Amino acid sequence: SKITKKAQFTGYARDPKQTEKKKLYNVFEKGDVYFNSGDLFRTDNEDFIYFQDRVGDTF
């Protein structure tokens, strides 16, 4: 999910290294920042969203 002023991500409690490992920079445009949750979703033909799986570890 995109990290913005309205949708902030403060990170993992007392673990800035793990927090930084989950951030993705310049994904779609220069300067954007996203959080890689590891959650995998899918959408159907009516644009409903479904959780499918967790990819990788939680850290």
N, C-alpha and C. Protein backbone atom coordinates (compact mmCIF):
# COMPACT_ATOMS: atom_id res chain seq x y z
N SER A 1 0.82 -1.17 0.00
CA SER A 1 0.00 0.00 0.00
C SER A 1 0.87 1.25 0.00
N LYS A 2 0.34 2.26 -0.64
CA LYS A 2 1.09 3.50 -0.77
C LYS A 2 1.14 4.23 0.56
N ILE A 3 2.31 4.72 0.91
CA ILE A 3 2.49 5.49 2.13
C ILE A 3 2.36 6.97 1.77
N THR A 4 1.40 7.63 2.40
CA THR A 4 1.16 9.06 2.16
C THR A 4 0.97 9.76 3.51
N LYS A 5 0.75 11.06 3.46
CA LYS A 5 0.46 11.79 4.70
C LYS A 5 -0.85 11.33 5.32
N LYS A 6 -1.83 10.98 4.47
CA LYS A 6 -3.12 10.51 4.97
C LYS A 6 -3.07 9.04 5.38
N ALA A 7 -2.26 8.25 4.71
CA ALA A 7 -2.12 6.82 5.02
C ALA A 7 -0.67 6.55 5.42
N GLN A 8 -0.36 6.93 6.65
CA GLN A 8 1.01 6.83 7.13
C GLN A 8 1.34 5.41 7.58
N PHE A 9 2.61 5.10 7.55
CA PHE A 9 3.12 3.83 8.07
C PHE A 9 4.26 4.17 9.01
N THR A 10 4.02 3.99 10.30
CA THR A 10 5.05 4.35 11.28
C THR A 10 6.08 3.25 11.44
N GLY A 11 5.75 2.05 11.00
CA GLY A 11 6.72 0.97 11.03
C GLY A 11 6.54 0.02 12.19
N TYR A 12 7.47 -0.92 12.26
CA TYR A 12 7.47 -1.91 13.33
C TYR A 12 8.01 -1.29 14.61
N ALA A 13 7.41 -1.60 15.73
CA ALA A 13 7.82 -1.03 17.02
C ALA A 13 9.27 -1.39 17.32
N ARG A 14 10.07 -0.38 17.53
CA ARG A 14 11.48 -0.52 17.91
C ARG A 14 12.29 -1.38 16.94
N ASP A 15 11.91 -1.38 15.66
CA ASP A 15 12.67 -2.17 14.68
C ASP A 15 12.77 -1.43 13.35
N PRO A 16 13.53 -0.33 13.31
CA PRO A 16 13.63 0.47 12.09
C PRO A 16 14.26 -0.28 10.91
N LYS A 17 15.14 -1.24 11.17
CA LYS A 17 15.76 -2.00 10.07
C LYS A 17 14.72 -2.83 9.33
N GLN A 18 13.86 -3.53 10.07
CA GLN A 18 12.81 -4.32 9.43
C GLN A 18 11.80 -3.43 8.72
N THR A 19 11.52 -2.29 9.32
CA THR A 19 10.61 -1.33 8.69
C THR A 19 11.16 -0.89 7.34
N GLU A 20 12.41 -0.53 7.30
CA GLU A 20 13.03 -0.05 6.05
C GLU A 20 13.05 -1.15 4.99
N LYS A 21 13.24 -2.40 5.39
CA LYS A 21 13.26 -3.52 4.43
C LYS A 21 11.92 -3.70 3.74
N LYS A 22 10.84 -3.26 4.37
CA LYS A 22 9.50 -3.42 3.80
C LYS A 22 9.06 -2.26 2.92
N LYS A 23 9.83 -1.19 2.88
CA LYS A 23 9.47 -0.03 2.07
C LYS A 23 10.02 -0.18 0.65
N LEU A 24 9.21 0.17 -0.32
CA LEU A 24 9.59 0.15 -1.73
C LEU A 24 9.54 1.58 -2.25
N TYR A 25 10.60 2.02 -2.87
CA TYR A 25 10.71 3.41 -3.33
C TYR A 25 10.63 3.49 -4.85
N ASN A 26 10.04 4.58 -5.35
CA ASN A 26 9.98 4.89 -6.78
C ASN A 26 9.34 3.74 -7.58
N VAL A 27 8.23 3.24 -7.08
CA VAL A 27 7.56 2.09 -7.70
C VAL A 27 6.89 2.49 -9.02
N PHE A 28 6.04 3.50 -8.98
CA PHE A 28 5.32 3.94 -10.17
C PHE A 28 5.80 5.29 -10.66
N GLU A 29 6.32 6.09 -9.74
CA GLU A 29 6.87 7.40 -10.11
C GLU A 29 7.93 7.79 -9.09
N LYS A 30 8.81 8.65 -9.52
CA LYS A 30 9.90 9.09 -8.65
C LYS A 30 9.34 9.75 -7.40
N GLY A 31 9.80 9.30 -6.24
CA GLY A 31 9.38 9.89 -4.98
C GLY A 31 8.27 9.16 -4.25
N ASP A 32 7.61 8.19 -4.92
CA ASP A 32 6.55 7.47 -4.21
C ASP A 32 7.16 6.40 -3.30
N VAL A 33 6.40 6.03 -2.26
CA VAL A 33 6.85 5.02 -1.30
C VAL A 33 5.68 4.10 -1.01
N TYR A 34 5.94 2.79 -1.06
CA TYR A 34 4.93 1.79 -0.78
C TYR A 34 5.43 0.86 0.31
N PHE A 35 4.49 0.24 1.03
CA PHE A 35 4.79 -0.75 2.04
C PHE A 35 4.46 -2.12 1.48
N ASN A 36 5.42 -3.02 1.49
CA ASN A 36 5.21 -4.38 1.00
C ASN A 36 4.73 -5.25 2.16
N SER A 37 3.42 -5.45 2.24
CA SER A 37 2.85 -6.22 3.34
C SER A 37 3.06 -7.72 3.17
N GLY A 38 3.29 -8.17 1.95
CA GLY A 38 3.40 -9.59 1.69
C GLY A 38 2.06 -10.25 1.46
N ASP A 39 0.97 -9.48 1.54
CA ASP A 39 -0.37 -10.03 1.31
C ASP A 39 -0.66 -10.08 -0.18
N LEU A 40 -1.23 -11.17 -0.63
CA LEU A 40 -1.57 -11.36 -2.04
C LEU A 40 -3.09 -11.37 -2.17
N PHE A 41 -3.62 -10.50 -3.03
CA PHE A 41 -5.05 -10.38 -3.25
C PHE A 41 -5.38 -10.65 -4.71
N ARG A 42 -6.65 -10.92 -4.97
CA ARG A 42 -7.14 -11.04 -6.35
C ARG A 42 -8.46 -10.32 -6.45
N THR A 43 -8.84 -9.94 -7.65
CA THR A 43 -10.15 -9.33 -7.89
C THR A 43 -10.94 -10.20 -8.84
N ASP A 44 -12.26 -10.15 -8.71
CA ASP A 44 -13.11 -10.89 -9.64
C ASP A 44 -13.63 -9.95 -10.72
N ASN A 45 -14.53 -10.45 -11.56
CA ASN A 45 -15.05 -9.66 -12.68
C ASN A 45 -15.87 -8.46 -12.24
N GLU A 46 -16.33 -8.47 -10.99
CA GLU A 46 -17.11 -7.35 -10.47
C GLU A 46 -16.27 -6.45 -9.56
N ASP A 47 -14.97 -6.63 -9.62
CA ASP A 47 -14.00 -5.84 -8.84
C ASP A 47 -14.09 -6.03 -7.33
N PHE A 48 -14.62 -7.18 -6.89
CA PHE A 48 -14.53 -7.52 -5.48
C PHE A 48 -13.11 -8.00 -5.22
N ILE A 49 -12.59 -7.68 -4.04
CA ILE A 49 -11.21 -8.01 -3.70
C ILE A 49 -11.21 -9.15 -2.69
N TYR A 50 -10.34 -10.15 -2.93
CA TYR A 50 -10.25 -11.33 -2.07
C TYR A 50 -8.80 -11.54 -1.62
N PHE A 51 -8.63 -11.79 -0.33
CA PHE A 51 -7.32 -12.16 0.19
C PHE A 51 -7.03 -13.59 -0.25
N GLN A 52 -5.83 -13.83 -0.79
CA GLN A 52 -5.45 -15.16 -1.26
C GLN A 52 -4.43 -15.83 -0.35
N ASP A 53 -3.38 -15.09 0.00
CA ASP A 53 -2.28 -15.74 0.71
C ASP A 53 -1.34 -14.67 1.26
N ARG A 54 -0.44 -15.09 2.10
CA ARG A 54 0.65 -14.24 2.56
C ARG A 54 1.92 -14.79 1.90
N VAL A 55 2.65 -13.91 1.22
CA VAL A 55 3.85 -14.31 0.48
C VAL A 55 5.08 -13.97 1.33
N GLY A 56 5.94 -14.93 1.54
CA GLY A 56 7.16 -14.68 2.32
C GLY A 56 6.88 -14.58 3.80
N ASP A 57 7.85 -14.05 4.55
CA ASP A 57 7.65 -13.91 6.00
C ASP A 57 6.91 -12.62 6.30
N THR A 58 6.59 -12.47 7.54
CA THR A 58 5.94 -11.24 7.97
C THR A 58 6.97 -10.15 8.21
N PHE A 59 8.24 -10.50 8.29
CA PHE A 59 9.31 -9.51 8.44
C PHE A 59 10.20 -9.57 7.23
